[in-house]
C-alpha cells in the first residue's frame, strides 16, 4: 500500500489495471492511475502457471500523477494475462 501510494483504510483507493480492446487496430490498451515518484512495470504471460512464466512487456514508466495508458499489439485468437508492478523512486 505504501509503495503503490494507496490508502489501506479507503476501499476506493486501489492500484487497478484496466483494459480496453482496440479491435480495429488489434491492440489492447492498459491504463492505471499513477503517483509521482513511482515507476511502473507491466508483465504478461500467455497462460497462468509457474511464477517464472511472466515476461516484462514494458518497464520504467514514470508516474505522472494521472492516468497512464500503454498499448500493445495482440494477434487475433491470442490469450494474455497482465500484471502491474510498482516501485518507489
N, C-alpha and C. Protein backbone atom coordinates (compact mmCIF):
# COMPACT_ATOMS: atom_id res chain seq x y z
N UNK A 1 0.82 -1.19 0.00
CA UNK A 1 0.00 0.00 0.00
C UNK A 1 0.87 1.26 0.00
N UNK A 2 1.91 1.27 0.79
CA UNK A 2 2.77 2.46 0.87
C UNK A 2 3.47 2.68 -0.46
N UNK A 3 4.03 1.64 -1.03
CA UNK A 3 4.74 1.77 -2.30
C UNK A 3 3.78 2.15 -3.43
N UNK A 4 2.60 1.54 -3.45
CA UNK A 4 1.62 1.83 -4.50
C UNK A 4 1.00 3.22 -4.34
N UNK A 5 1.10 3.81 -3.16
CA UNK A 5 0.53 5.13 -2.92
C UNK A 5 -0.97 5.09 -2.68
N UNK A 6 -1.47 3.93 -2.24
CA UNK A 6 -2.89 3.79 -1.95
C UNK A 6 -3.14 3.89 -0.46
N UNK A 7 -4.40 4.11 -0.09
CA UNK A 7 -4.78 4.27 1.30
C UNK A 7 -5.47 2.99 1.77
N UNK A 8 -4.86 2.25 2.71
CA UNK A 8 -5.45 0.97 3.13
C UNK A 8 -6.77 1.10 3.87
N UNK A 9 -7.13 2.30 4.32
CA UNK A 9 -8.40 2.47 5.02
C UNK A 9 -9.52 2.93 4.08
N UNK A 10 -9.20 3.14 2.80
CA UNK A 10 -10.19 3.59 1.82
C UNK A 10 -10.41 2.50 0.78
N UNK A 11 -11.59 1.84 0.78
CA UNK A 11 -11.85 0.77 -0.18
C UNK A 11 -11.78 1.23 -1.64
N UNK A 12 -11.96 2.52 -1.89
CA UNK A 12 -11.89 3.03 -3.26
C UNK A 12 -10.48 3.34 -3.72
N UNK A 13 -9.51 3.26 -2.81
CA UNK A 13 -8.13 3.55 -3.14
C UNK A 13 -7.39 2.24 -3.39
N UNK A 14 -7.17 1.95 -4.65
CA UNK A 14 -6.50 0.70 -5.01
C UNK A 14 -5.75 0.89 -6.31
N UNK A 15 -4.70 0.13 -6.47
CA UNK A 15 -3.96 0.11 -7.72
C UNK A 15 -4.67 -0.87 -8.64
N UNK A 16 -5.38 -0.35 -9.64
CA UNK A 16 -6.18 -1.18 -10.54
C UNK A 16 -5.70 -1.02 -11.97
N UNK A 17 -5.50 -2.12 -12.61
CA UNK A 17 -5.14 -2.15 -14.02
C UNK A 17 -6.41 -2.43 -14.82
N UNK A 18 -6.79 -1.52 -15.69
CA UNK A 18 -7.98 -1.75 -16.51
C UNK A 18 -7.53 -1.85 -17.97
N UNK A 19 -8.41 -2.39 -18.80
CA UNK A 19 -8.04 -2.56 -20.20
C UNK A 19 -9.24 -2.30 -21.10
N UNK A 20 -8.92 -2.03 -22.36
CA UNK A 20 -9.93 -1.97 -23.40
C UNK A 20 -9.30 -2.49 -24.68
N UNK A 21 -10.10 -3.19 -25.45
CA UNK A 21 -9.63 -3.73 -26.71
C UNK A 21 -9.85 -2.71 -27.81
N UNK A 22 -8.85 -2.48 -28.59
CA UNK A 22 -8.95 -1.61 -29.76
C UNK A 22 -9.02 -2.54 -30.96
N UNK A 23 -10.19 -3.10 -31.20
CA UNK A 23 -10.35 -4.19 -32.16
C UNK A 23 -9.96 -3.79 -33.59
N UNK A 24 -10.21 -2.56 -33.97
CA UNK A 24 -9.86 -2.14 -35.33
C UNK A 24 -8.35 -2.16 -35.55
N UNK A 25 -7.60 -2.04 -34.47
CA UNK A 25 -6.14 -1.98 -34.56
C UNK A 25 -5.47 -3.25 -34.04
N UNK A 26 -6.25 -4.23 -33.56
CA UNK A 26 -5.70 -5.44 -32.93
C UNK A 26 -4.71 -5.08 -31.83
N UNK A 27 -5.14 -4.17 -30.97
CA UNK A 27 -4.31 -3.73 -29.85
C UNK A 27 -5.13 -3.79 -28.57
N UNK A 28 -4.41 -3.87 -27.46
CA UNK A 28 -5.03 -3.75 -26.15
C UNK A 28 -4.44 -2.51 -25.50
N UNK A 29 -5.28 -1.74 -24.84
CA UNK A 29 -4.83 -0.54 -24.12
C UNK A 29 -5.01 -0.81 -22.63
N UNK A 30 -3.93 -0.75 -21.89
CA UNK A 30 -3.96 -0.91 -20.44
C UNK A 30 -3.79 0.46 -19.81
N UNK A 31 -4.54 0.72 -18.74
CA UNK A 31 -4.40 2.01 -18.07
C UNK A 31 -4.55 1.83 -16.56
N UNK A 32 -3.93 2.76 -15.84
CA UNK A 32 -3.99 2.73 -14.38
C UNK A 32 -3.66 4.12 -13.85
N UNK A 33 -4.12 4.43 -12.62
CA UNK A 33 -3.77 5.71 -12.00
C UNK A 33 -2.33 5.64 -11.49
N UNK A 34 -1.59 6.70 -11.70
CA UNK A 34 -0.19 6.71 -11.28
C UNK A 34 0.05 7.77 -10.21
N UNK A 35 1.16 7.62 -9.54
CA UNK A 35 1.58 8.52 -8.48
C UNK A 35 2.97 9.06 -8.84
N UNK A 36 3.19 10.34 -8.67
CA UNK A 36 4.53 10.91 -8.87
C UNK A 36 5.50 10.22 -7.93
N UNK A 37 6.71 9.97 -8.40
CA UNK A 37 7.71 9.33 -7.56
C UNK A 37 7.63 7.81 -7.57
N UNK A 38 6.81 7.26 -8.47
CA UNK A 38 6.70 5.80 -8.61
C UNK A 38 7.07 5.42 -10.04
N UNK A 39 7.56 4.20 -10.20
CA UNK A 39 7.89 3.65 -11.51
C UNK A 39 7.10 2.37 -11.70
N UNK A 40 6.51 2.20 -12.88
CA UNK A 40 5.62 1.08 -13.14
C UNK A 40 6.18 0.12 -14.19
N UNK A 41 5.85 -1.16 -14.02
CA UNK A 41 6.24 -2.21 -14.95
C UNK A 41 5.01 -3.06 -15.25
N UNK A 42 4.81 -3.38 -16.52
CA UNK A 42 3.73 -4.29 -16.93
C UNK A 42 4.38 -5.59 -17.38
N UNK A 43 3.87 -6.69 -16.84
CA UNK A 43 4.33 -8.01 -17.23
C UNK A 43 3.18 -8.78 -17.84
N UNK A 44 3.50 -9.73 -18.72
CA UNK A 44 2.45 -10.53 -19.35
C UNK A 44 2.87 -11.99 -19.44
N UNK A 45 1.87 -12.84 -19.62
CA UNK A 45 2.09 -14.27 -19.79
C UNK A 45 0.93 -14.81 -20.64
N UNK A 46 1.18 -15.82 -21.47
CA UNK A 46 0.11 -16.40 -22.26
C UNK A 46 -0.75 -17.39 -21.49
N UNK A 47 -0.29 -17.83 -20.34
CA UNK A 47 -1.04 -18.80 -19.53
C UNK A 47 -0.63 -18.65 -18.08
N UNK A 48 -1.57 -18.88 -17.19
CA UNK A 48 -1.25 -18.83 -15.76
C UNK A 48 -0.60 -20.14 -15.37
N UNK A 49 0.55 -20.06 -14.77
CA UNK A 49 1.29 -21.26 -14.41
C UNK A 49 2.39 -20.91 -13.43
N UNK A 50 3.54 -21.54 -13.57
CA UNK A 50 4.65 -21.27 -12.66
C UNK A 50 5.03 -19.79 -12.64
N UNK A 51 5.48 -19.28 -11.50
CA UNK A 51 5.80 -17.86 -11.36
C UNK A 51 6.83 -17.35 -12.37
N UNK A 52 7.70 -18.21 -12.87
CA UNK A 52 8.74 -17.78 -13.80
C UNK A 52 8.26 -17.53 -15.21
N UNK A 53 6.97 -17.74 -15.48
CA UNK A 53 6.45 -17.60 -16.83
C UNK A 53 6.07 -16.17 -17.21
N UNK A 54 6.21 -15.21 -16.30
CA UNK A 54 5.88 -13.83 -16.59
C UNK A 54 7.05 -13.15 -17.30
N UNK A 55 6.74 -12.32 -18.30
CA UNK A 55 7.76 -11.61 -19.07
C UNK A 55 7.45 -10.12 -19.04
N UNK A 56 8.49 -9.31 -18.97
CA UNK A 56 8.30 -7.86 -18.95
C UNK A 56 7.82 -7.38 -20.31
N UNK A 57 6.67 -6.74 -20.32
CA UNK A 57 6.13 -6.17 -21.55
C UNK A 57 6.64 -4.74 -21.73
N UNK A 58 6.68 -3.98 -20.63
CA UNK A 58 7.22 -2.62 -20.65
C UNK A 58 7.64 -2.28 -19.22
N UNK A 59 8.70 -1.50 -19.10
CA UNK A 59 9.19 -1.13 -17.76
C UNK A 59 9.61 0.33 -17.76
N UNK A 60 9.95 0.80 -16.59
CA UNK A 60 10.46 2.17 -16.39
C UNK A 60 9.46 3.25 -16.83
N UNK A 61 8.17 3.01 -16.58
CA UNK A 61 7.16 4.03 -16.87
C UNK A 61 7.00 4.90 -15.62
N UNK A 62 7.43 6.14 -15.71
CA UNK A 62 7.38 7.04 -14.57
C UNK A 62 5.97 7.54 -14.29
N UNK A 63 5.62 7.58 -13.01
CA UNK A 63 4.31 8.08 -12.60
C UNK A 63 4.16 9.55 -12.91
N UNK A 64 2.96 9.93 -13.35
CA UNK A 64 2.69 11.31 -13.74
C UNK A 64 1.75 12.02 -12.78
N UNK A 65 1.13 11.25 -11.89
CA UNK A 65 0.09 11.81 -11.03
C UNK A 65 -1.28 11.70 -11.66
N UNK A 66 -1.36 11.19 -12.87
CA UNK A 66 -2.61 10.99 -13.60
C UNK A 66 -2.68 9.58 -14.14
N UNK A 67 -3.57 9.35 -15.08
CA UNK A 67 -3.68 8.03 -15.69
C UNK A 67 -2.53 7.79 -16.66
N UNK A 68 -2.01 6.58 -16.64
CA UNK A 68 -1.04 6.15 -17.63
C UNK A 68 -1.74 5.14 -18.53
N UNK A 69 -1.53 5.27 -19.83
CA UNK A 69 -2.06 4.28 -20.77
C UNK A 69 -0.91 3.74 -21.59
N UNK A 70 -0.88 2.44 -21.71
CA UNK A 70 0.14 1.76 -22.51
C UNK A 70 -0.58 0.79 -23.44
N UNK A 71 -0.14 0.72 -24.70
CA UNK A 71 -0.80 -0.14 -25.67
C UNK A 71 0.16 -1.18 -26.21
N UNK A 72 -0.41 -2.32 -26.57
CA UNK A 72 0.39 -3.42 -27.11
C UNK A 72 -0.42 -4.11 -28.22
N UNK A 73 0.24 -4.46 -29.34
CA UNK A 73 -0.46 -5.23 -30.36
C UNK A 73 -0.73 -6.64 -29.85
N UNK A 74 -1.90 -7.15 -30.17
CA UNK A 74 -2.27 -8.50 -29.75
C UNK A 74 -2.84 -9.23 -30.97
N UNK A 75 -2.15 -10.26 -31.45
CA UNK A 75 -2.68 -11.01 -32.60
C UNK A 75 -4.03 -11.64 -32.26
N UNK A 76 -4.88 -11.81 -33.26
CA UNK A 76 -6.19 -12.42 -33.05
C UNK A 76 -6.04 -13.81 -32.44
N UNK A 77 -7.05 -14.20 -31.66
CA UNK A 77 -7.11 -15.52 -31.02
C UNK A 77 -5.93 -15.76 -30.09
N UNK A 78 -5.44 -14.69 -29.47
CA UNK A 78 -4.34 -14.79 -28.52
C UNK A 78 -4.85 -14.50 -27.11
N UNK A 79 -4.40 -15.28 -26.15
CA UNK A 79 -4.75 -15.05 -24.75
C UNK A 79 -3.53 -14.48 -24.05
N UNK A 80 -3.74 -13.41 -23.28
CA UNK A 80 -2.66 -12.84 -22.49
C UNK A 80 -3.22 -12.43 -21.14
N UNK A 81 -2.41 -12.61 -20.13
CA UNK A 81 -2.71 -12.14 -18.78
C UNK A 81 -1.68 -11.08 -18.45
N UNK A 82 -2.11 -10.05 -17.74
CA UNK A 82 -1.22 -8.94 -17.40
C UNK A 82 -1.21 -8.71 -15.90
N UNK A 83 -0.08 -8.21 -15.43
CA UNK A 83 0.01 -7.75 -14.04
C UNK A 83 0.86 -6.49 -14.01
N UNK A 84 0.60 -5.68 -13.00
CA UNK A 84 1.26 -4.38 -12.87
C UNK A 84 2.12 -4.37 -11.63
N UNK A 85 3.35 -3.91 -11.78
CA UNK A 85 4.26 -3.78 -10.64
C UNK A 85 4.59 -2.31 -10.43
N UNK A 86 4.89 -1.95 -9.21
CA UNK A 86 5.23 -0.55 -8.91
C UNK A 86 6.39 -0.52 -7.91
N UNK A 87 7.30 0.41 -8.12
CA UNK A 87 8.39 0.63 -7.18
C UNK A 87 8.41 2.12 -6.83
N UNK A 88 8.91 2.41 -5.65
CA UNK A 88 9.03 3.79 -5.21
C UNK A 88 10.40 4.30 -5.59
N UNK A 89 10.45 5.48 -6.22
CA UNK A 89 11.74 6.06 -6.66
C UNK A 89 12.52 6.56 -5.46
